[in-house]
Protein backbone atom coordinates (compact mmCIF):
# COMPACT_ATOMS: atom_id res chain seq x y z
CA MET A 1 -5.91 -34.98 0.25
CA THR A 2 -3.36 -35.76 -2.43
CA PRO A 3 0.35 -34.96 -2.11
CA ALA A 4 -0.17 -32.18 -4.68
CA ASP A 5 -2.94 -30.71 -2.52
CA ARG A 6 -0.72 -30.92 0.55
CA PHE A 7 2.12 -29.21 -1.34
CA GLU A 8 -0.26 -26.43 -2.41
CA SER A 9 -1.47 -26.00 1.19
CA ALA A 10 2.13 -25.76 2.40
CA THR A 11 2.90 -23.15 -0.25
CA GLU A 12 -0.19 -21.12 0.65
CA ALA A 13 0.62 -21.37 4.37
CA ARG A 14 4.10 -20.00 3.63
CA VAL A 15 2.50 -17.05 1.85
CA ASN A 16 0.35 -16.39 4.93
CA ILE A 17 3.35 -16.64 7.26
CA GLY A 18 5.38 -14.39 4.95
CA ARG A 19 2.69 -11.74 5.31
CA VAL A 20 2.78 -12.15 9.09
CA ILE A 21 6.55 -11.63 9.12
CA ALA A 22 6.28 -8.54 6.92
CA LEU A 23 3.54 -7.09 9.11
CA LEU A 24 5.37 -7.70 12.37
CA GLU A 25 8.66 -6.24 11.17
CA ASN A 26 6.97 -2.83 11.47
CA PRO A 27 4.48 -3.54 14.24
CA THR A 28 1.37 -1.50 14.71
CA VAL A 29 -1.92 -2.40 16.33
CA GLU A 30 -3.39 -2.87 12.85
CA ALA A 31 -0.46 -5.11 11.86
CA LEU A 32 -1.03 -7.29 14.92
CA ASP A 33 -4.74 -7.62 14.09
CA GLN A 34 -4.06 -8.44 10.46
CA SER A 35 -1.33 -10.92 11.35
CA ALA A 36 -3.81 -12.79 13.56
CA MET A 37 -6.06 -13.31 10.52
CA GLU A 38 -3.13 -14.52 8.43
CA LEU A 39 -2.10 -16.93 11.20
CA LEU A 40 -5.62 -18.38 11.33
CA ALA A 41 -5.51 -19.05 7.59
CA ALA A 42 -2.05 -20.62 7.85
CA THR A 43 -3.15 -22.78 10.78
CA ALA A 44 -6.08 -24.16 8.79
CA ARG A 45 -3.76 -25.05 5.92
CA ILE A 46 -1.22 -26.68 8.24
CA GLU A 47 -3.99 -28.77 9.80
CA GLN A 48 -4.95 -29.98 6.30
CA ILE A 49 -1.35 -31.02 5.67
CA ASN A 50 -1.16 -32.92 8.96
CA GLU A 51 -4.47 -34.79 8.54
CA ASP A 52 -3.04 -37.40 6.20
CA GLY A 53 0.23 -38.08 7.99
CA GLN A 54 3.72 -37.50 6.67
CA ALA A 55 3.53 -39.32 3.31
CA GLY A 56 4.68 -37.20 0.40
CA GLY A 57 7.48 -36.57 -2.02
CA ALA A 58 10.67 -34.60 -1.75
CA ALA A 59 8.95 -31.40 -2.90
CA LEU A 60 6.45 -31.61 -0.06
CA ARG A 61 9.15 -32.34 2.53
CA SER A 62 11.12 -29.35 1.26
CA ALA A 63 8.04 -27.11 1.42
CA VAL A 64 7.26 -28.25 4.97
CA THR A 65 10.88 -27.63 6.04
CA ALA A 66 10.74 -24.10 4.60
CA LEU A 67 7.38 -23.56 6.31
CA ARG A 68 8.89 -24.57 9.66
CA LYS A 69 11.70 -22.02 9.22
CA ASP A 70 9.17 -19.31 8.38
CA LEU A 71 7.13 -20.26 11.44
CA GLN A 72 10.22 -19.98 13.66
CA ARG A 73 10.81 -16.47 12.34
CA ALA A 74 7.17 -15.50 12.93
CA GLU A 75 7.34 -17.04 16.40
CA LEU A 76 10.30 -14.84 17.28
CA LEU A 77 8.45 -11.73 16.17
CA LEU A 78 5.30 -12.74 18.02
CA ARG A 79 7.23 -13.61 21.16
CA HIS A 80 8.48 -10.03 21.23
CA ALA A 81 5.16 -8.50 20.21
CA TRP A 82 4.40 -7.60 23.81
CA GLU A 83 7.35 -5.21 23.60
CA PHE A 84 5.55 -3.25 20.90
CA ARG A 85 4.75 0.17 22.16
CA ALA A 86 5.28 3.76 21.33
CA ALA A 87 8.48 4.23 23.27
CA ALA A 88 9.30 7.52 24.92
CA GLY A 89 11.19 9.42 22.26
CA GLY A 90 10.56 6.95 19.44
CA GLN A 91 8.59 4.21 17.74
CA ALA A 92 9.29 0.53 18.36
CA ALA A 93 10.10 -1.65 15.33
CA TYR A 94 11.91 -4.91 14.57
CA THR A 95 15.02 -5.67 12.55
CA ARG A 96 15.02 -8.47 9.99
CA LYS A 97 16.46 -10.70 12.74
CA GLY A 98 13.48 -10.00 14.98
CA GLU A 99 15.32 -7.73 17.40
CA LEU A 100 13.45 -4.78 18.88
CA ILE A 101 14.81 -1.34 18.02
CA VAL A 102 13.51 2.10 18.85
CA ARG A 103 13.53 4.63 16.06
CA PRO A 104 14.03 8.15 17.34
CA ALA A 105 11.06 10.44 16.91
CA SER A 106 11.61 13.46 14.76
CA THR A 107 12.29 16.50 16.85
CA GLY A 108 11.08 20.00 16.40
CA ARG A 109 10.74 23.16 18.36
CA LEU A 110 7.48 24.42 19.75
CA GLU A 111 7.20 27.93 21.06
CA LEU A 112 4.23 29.19 23.00
CA GLU A 113 3.44 32.85 23.21
CA GLY A 114 1.15 34.60 25.53
């Protein structure tokens, strides 16, 4: 694999990880399933990058550094994924920093007759 191929793989892996981050910022069961597929694709690309060792230019090193930062962000969201649940009175979601918040459910009034 050439350095250009490795750079392209790093760029594509960042795209996959970016999708994972976007999905997990508003977690749903579907988002978790889809993020797993994106992580598999990113993992395959990262393995390609690592096969040939660390040789490469400054652009590749920069891309790999950015990829590591994206992976740390995704890791934070995944680490807290077990907290995902429909909370009593609201829906769980994440802030851009990966912190869990509960959005209040809309309230209404229900009246039963009879």
